[in-house]
Amino acid sequence: MESIVETMMQQLLSKEILYEPMKEIGERYPQWLEEHKASLSKEEYERYSHQHELIKELNGVYENEPNNFTRIVDLMQKMQECGQPPNDIVQELAPEFDFSNLGQLSPEMQESPQNCCIM
């Protein structure tokens, strides 16, 4: 069972799936940081700057060591610790996707989770 999960994770984190979106996010970060520097707290600016550095590092791994799954997972975990990328950047790439509610249950699900249907 563990190898099945590991194989699925490797496929989800593969260069074929994540490289292009991560590359586009990384390319948008410098301008976004410059435009929002004055409106961000020092902590937020440092967090987003650190996240940008991690994205650049991840893209470097995808370009030079695309099969280094251990390093990719490590960088993804570090990026996750920084929180979501700026919503402005994500909305440019996927305008139909709302990251602000990611991981939250809908009101219907909060009231009756037994009505959840995966299929």
Protein backbone atom coordinates (compact mmCIF):
# COMPACT_ATOMS: atom_id res chain seq x y z
CA MET A 1 0.00 0.00 0.00
CA GLU A 2 2.82 2.42 0.85
CA SER A 3 4.38 2.01 -2.59
CA ILE A 4 1.05 2.82 -4.25
CA VAL A 5 0.79 6.08 -2.30
CA GLU A 6 4.41 6.90 -3.03
CA THR A 7 3.90 6.24 -6.74
CA MET A 8 0.82 8.47 -6.78
CA MET A 9 2.71 11.26 -4.99
CA GLN A 10 5.58 11.00 -7.45
CA GLN A 11 3.14 11.31 -10.32
CA LEU A 12 1.35 14.31 -8.77
CA LEU A 13 4.62 16.08 -8.02
CA SER A 14 6.21 15.18 -11.35
CA LYS A 15 7.75 17.74 -13.67
CA GLU A 16 5.07 16.97 -16.27
CA ILE A 17 2.32 18.15 -13.92
CA LEU A 18 3.82 20.86 -11.72
CA TYR A 19 6.74 22.46 -13.56
CA GLU A 20 4.79 24.79 -15.88
CA PRO A 21 2.41 26.14 -13.21
CA MET A 22 5.27 26.61 -10.73
CA LYS A 23 7.37 28.29 -13.41
CA GLU A 24 4.53 30.73 -14.20
CA ILE A 25 3.94 31.48 -10.52
CA GLY A 26 7.68 32.07 -10.06
CA GLU A 27 7.77 34.45 -13.02
CA ARG A 28 4.90 36.53 -11.62
CA TYR A 29 6.33 36.85 -8.10
CA PRO A 30 8.94 39.63 -8.62
CA GLN A 31 6.46 42.08 -10.11
CA TRP A 32 3.80 41.17 -7.53
CA LEU A 33 6.26 41.67 -4.66
CA GLU A 34 7.29 45.05 -6.05
CA GLU A 35 3.69 46.20 -6.54
CA HIS A 36 2.56 45.07 -3.07
CA LYS A 37 5.64 45.80 -0.97
CA ALA A 38 4.16 48.98 0.52
CA SER A 39 0.87 47.29 1.47
CA LEU A 40 2.40 44.17 3.05
CA SER A 41 3.68 43.91 6.59
CA LYS A 42 7.38 43.16 6.92
CA GLU A 43 6.54 39.59 7.96
CA GLU A 44 4.23 39.04 4.99
CA TYR A 45 6.77 40.45 2.57
CA GLU A 46 9.51 38.21 4.00
CA ARG A 47 7.21 35.17 3.90
CA TYR A 48 6.25 35.75 0.26
CA SER A 49 9.87 36.49 -0.65
CA HIS A 50 10.96 33.24 0.99
CA GLN A 51 8.20 31.38 -0.83
CA HIS A 52 9.42 32.88 -4.11
CA GLU A 53 12.96 31.66 -3.39
CA LEU A 54 11.63 28.16 -2.68
CA ILE A 55 9.67 28.19 -5.95
CA LYS A 56 12.81 29.20 -7.86
CA GLU A 57 14.73 26.41 -6.13
CA LEU A 58 11.97 23.90 -6.93
CA ASN A 59 12.00 24.94 -10.58
CA GLY A 60 15.77 24.44 -10.61
CA VAL A 61 15.29 20.89 -9.32
CA TYR A 62 12.67 20.24 -12.01
CA GLU A 63 15.09 21.52 -14.66
CA ASN A 64 18.22 19.71 -13.42
CA GLU A 65 17.09 16.76 -11.29
CA PRO A 66 13.44 16.03 -12.22
CA ASN A 67 13.58 12.59 -10.58
CA ASN A 68 14.87 13.83 -7.21
CA PHE A 69 11.57 13.12 -5.50
CA THR A 70 12.99 13.55 -1.99
CA ARG A 71 14.16 17.11 -2.75
CA ILE A 72 10.89 17.98 -4.51
CA VAL A 73 8.82 16.81 -1.51
CA ASP A 74 11.11 18.72 0.87
CA LEU A 75 10.72 21.95 -1.10
CA MET A 76 6.96 21.50 -1.45
CA GLN A 77 6.66 21.05 2.32
CA LYS A 78 8.71 24.18 2.94
CA MET A 79 6.54 26.10 0.48
CA GLN A 80 3.41 24.85 2.22
CA GLU A 81 4.77 26.15 5.53
CA CYS A 82 4.80 29.61 3.93
CA GLY A 83 1.06 29.41 3.21
CA GLN A 84 -0.75 29.92 -0.07
CA PRO A 85 0.85 31.98 -2.83
CA PRO A 86 -0.72 35.42 -3.27
CA ASN A 87 -4.28 35.03 -4.48
CA ASP A 88 -3.68 37.66 -7.20
CA ILE A 89 -1.02 35.47 -8.82
CA VAL A 90 -3.05 32.29 -8.58
CA GLN A 91 -6.16 34.02 -9.98
CA GLU A 92 -4.18 35.10 -13.06
CA LEU A 93 -3.31 31.46 -13.73
CA ALA A 94 -6.64 29.86 -12.74
CA PRO A 95 -9.35 32.52 -12.48
CA GLU A 96 -12.09 29.94 -11.90
CA PHE A 97 -10.35 28.46 -8.84
CA ASP A 98 -10.89 30.05 -5.41
CA PHE A 99 -7.91 29.32 -3.18
CA SER A 100 -9.30 31.40 -0.33
CA ASN A 101 -11.80 28.66 0.55
CA LEU A 102 -9.49 25.74 -0.03
CA GLY A 103 -9.81 23.19 2.74
CA GLN A 104 -12.99 24.68 4.18
CA LEU A 105 -16.25 22.74 4.31
CA SER A 106 -19.29 24.18 2.60
CA PRO A 107 -22.19 25.13 4.92
CA GLU A 108 -24.06 22.04 3.74
CA MET A 109 -21.15 19.78 4.65
CA GLN A 110 -20.74 21.40 8.08
CA GLU A 111 -24.37 20.60 8.86
CA SER A 112 -24.49 17.05 7.48
CA PRO A 113 -21.17 15.53 6.40
CA GLN A 114 -22.88 12.17 5.78
CA ASN A 115 -24.29 13.70 2.57
CA CYS A 116 -20.80 13.88 1.11
CA CYS A 117 -20.51 11.89 -2.07
CA ILE A 118 -17.16 11.38 -3.74
CA MET A 119 -18.58 9.74 -6.84
